[in-house]
Amino acid sequence: MEYFVQQLINGLTLGSIYGLIAIGYTMVYGIIGMINFAHGDIFMIGSFIALATFLVLTTVLGFAFLPVVLLIVLIVSMLFTSAWGWTVERLAYRPLRGSFRLAPRSQRSACRSFFRISSRSHRARASSRCRPRFRAASR
């Protein structure tokens, strides 16, 4: 019975995530009339902003009261993510609104590829700067 309850919770959690993704696609399609496959990548950037803000607040600035830190992280990540999404919409999607059907589709794929490549190159640069904490014993 315990296994069944755990799997039920897992299924409800995963179904909720799928539902949120579907609602996001539906809202974006209803508002701008085109499917934006790059909005998942914009959410990824928002999570990186939230992580960076949390680390700056807790380690650099020394905030210790977690509810205030989480509220600040939420506000900062919402502001920067919405500004990033607005910028992408203004620069990439709005000029192509009245064009033929293939141009916005190509632009969405290009934006998505740009976000993926830029996040990979950032992770590669960050991992190359890290030095190992322990040295392997020589044989």
Protein backbone atom coordinates (compact mmCIF):
# COMPACT_ATOMS: atom_id res chain seq x y z
CA MET A 1 0.00 0.00 0.00
CA GLU A 2 2.86 2.37 0.78
CA TYR A 3 4.32 1.77 -2.69
CA PHE A 4 0.96 2.54 -4.30
CA VAL A 5 0.60 5.82 -2.40
CA GLN A 6 4.13 6.87 -3.38
CA GLN A 7 3.48 6.08 -7.04
CA LEU A 8 0.17 7.96 -6.86
CA ILE A 9 1.98 11.02 -5.51
CA ASN A 10 4.65 10.68 -8.22
CA GLY A 11 1.98 10.43 -10.91
CA LEU A 12 0.09 13.45 -9.63
CA THR A 13 3.30 15.48 -9.46
CA LEU A 14 4.37 14.55 -12.98
CA GLY A 15 0.85 15.12 -14.30
CA SER A 16 0.79 18.56 -12.68
CA ILE A 17 4.06 19.44 -14.38
CA TYR A 18 2.70 18.29 -17.75
CA GLY A 19 -0.46 20.29 -17.11
CA LEU A 20 1.52 23.45 -16.35
CA ILE A 21 3.53 23.02 -19.55
CA ALA A 22 0.34 22.52 -21.56
CA ILE A 23 -1.26 25.60 -19.99
CA GLY A 24 1.87 27.60 -20.81
CA TYR A 25 1.80 26.55 -24.47
CA THR A 26 -1.94 27.24 -24.67
CA MET A 27 -1.60 30.70 -23.16
CA VAL A 28 1.32 31.63 -25.41
CA TYR A 29 -0.52 30.38 -28.51
CA GLY A 30 -3.69 32.19 -27.50
CA ILE A 31 -1.93 35.50 -26.90
CA ILE A 32 0.56 35.74 -29.77
CA GLY A 33 -0.96 33.25 -32.22
CA MET A 34 2.18 31.14 -32.60
CA ILE A 35 3.73 28.36 -30.59
CA ASN A 36 6.93 29.46 -28.86
CA PHE A 37 9.11 26.44 -28.20
CA ALA A 38 11.75 28.67 -26.62
CA HIS A 39 9.64 29.53 -23.57
CA GLY A 40 10.98 26.48 -21.75
CA ASP A 41 14.46 27.84 -22.28
CA ILE A 42 13.35 31.21 -20.94
CA PHE A 43 12.11 29.39 -17.82
CA MET A 44 15.53 27.72 -17.60
CA ILE A 45 17.17 31.14 -17.62
CA GLY A 46 14.76 32.18 -14.86
CA SER A 47 15.83 29.24 -12.72
CA PHE A 48 19.50 30.16 -13.23
CA ILE A 49 18.71 33.73 -12.20
CA ALA A 50 16.92 32.43 -9.10
CA LEU A 51 19.86 30.21 -8.18
CA ALA A 52 22.38 33.01 -8.68
CA THR A 53 20.26 35.41 -6.62
CA PHE A 54 19.88 32.86 -3.83
CA LEU A 55 23.63 32.22 -3.72
CA VAL A 56 24.46 35.93 -3.70
CA LEU A 57 21.97 36.65 -0.93
CA THR A 58 23.03 33.77 1.31
CA THR A 59 26.77 33.53 0.77
CA VAL A 60 27.90 37.01 -0.24
CA LEU A 61 25.43 39.23 1.60
CA GLY A 62 24.86 36.83 4.48
CA PHE A 63 21.06 36.82 4.69
CA ALA A 64 19.93 33.97 6.93
CA PHE A 65 16.14 34.39 7.26
CA LEU A 66 14.93 31.97 4.58
CA PRO A 67 11.38 33.30 3.97
CA VAL A 68 12.72 36.78 3.17
CA VAL A 69 15.47 35.32 0.98
CA LEU A 70 12.95 33.22 -0.98
CA LEU A 71 10.65 36.22 -1.43
CA ILE A 72 13.53 38.33 -2.76
CA VAL A 73 14.64 35.47 -5.04
CA LEU A 74 11.09 35.10 -6.37
CA ILE A 75 10.72 38.80 -7.10
CA VAL A 76 14.17 39.19 -8.70
CA SER A 77 13.82 36.08 -10.89
CA MET A 78 10.31 37.12 -11.98
CA LEU A 79 11.50 40.59 -12.95
CA PHE A 80 14.55 39.46 -14.89
CA THR A 81 12.78 36.54 -16.58
CA SER A 82 9.87 38.72 -17.68
CA ALA A 83 12.30 41.33 -18.99
CA TRP A 84 14.19 38.62 -20.90
CA GLY A 85 10.95 37.24 -22.39
CA TRP A 86 9.77 40.71 -23.34
CA THR A 87 13.09 41.42 -25.05
CA VAL A 88 12.99 38.17 -27.02
CA GLU A 89 9.43 38.87 -28.11
CA ARG A 90 10.25 42.42 -29.21
CA LEU A 91 13.47 41.58 -31.03
CA ALA A 92 12.76 38.14 -32.47
CA TYR A 93 9.03 37.50 -32.79
CA ARG A 94 7.23 40.81 -33.29
CA PRO A 95 9.03 41.73 -36.55
CA LEU A 96 7.92 38.41 -38.04
CA ARG A 97 4.22 38.58 -37.09
CA GLY A 98 2.91 39.44 -40.54
CA SER A 99 5.32 37.30 -42.56
CA PHE A 100 4.75 33.90 -44.11
CA ARG A 101 4.33 30.87 -41.82
CA LEU A 102 7.84 29.43 -42.12
CA ALA A 103 9.74 32.54 -40.95
CA PRO A 104 8.42 32.59 -37.34
CA ARG A 105 8.94 28.84 -37.08
CA SER A 106 12.57 29.22 -38.16
CA GLN A 107 13.03 32.13 -35.75
CA ARG A 108 11.66 30.08 -32.83
CA SER A 109 14.07 27.26 -33.61
CA ALA A 110 16.95 29.72 -33.87
CA CYS A 111 16.08 31.30 -30.49
CA ARG A 112 15.83 27.90 -28.86
CA SER A 113 19.16 26.80 -30.30
CA PHE A 114 20.78 30.05 -29.18
CA PHE A 115 19.52 29.57 -25.62
CA ARG A 116 20.70 25.97 -25.51
CA ILE A 117 24.14 26.72 -26.93
CA SER A 118 24.68 29.75 -24.69
CA SER A 119 23.73 27.80 -21.56
CA ARG A 120 26.06 24.95 -22.52
CA SER A 121 28.98 27.27 -23.19
CA HIS A 122 28.38 29.03 -19.86
CA ARG A 123 28.38 25.71 -18.01
CA ALA A 124 31.55 24.67 -19.82
CA ARG A 125 33.32 27.90 -18.85
CA ALA A 126 32.15 27.60 -15.26
CA SER A 127 33.29 23.99 -14.96
CA SER A 128 36.69 24.77 -16.47
CA ARG A 129 37.33 27.38 -13.76
CA CYS A 130 36.68 24.93 -10.94
CA ARG A 131 39.76 23.39 -9.43
CA PRO A 132 39.64 20.02 -7.76
CA ARG A 133 39.58 20.19 -3.98
CA PHE A 134 41.48 16.98 -3.45
CA ARG A 135 44.40 15.57 -5.33
CA ALA A 136 44.53 11.94 -6.25
CA ALA A 137 47.11 9.92 -4.42
CA SER A 138 50.09 9.13 -6.62
CA ARG A 139 51.02 5.51 -7.04
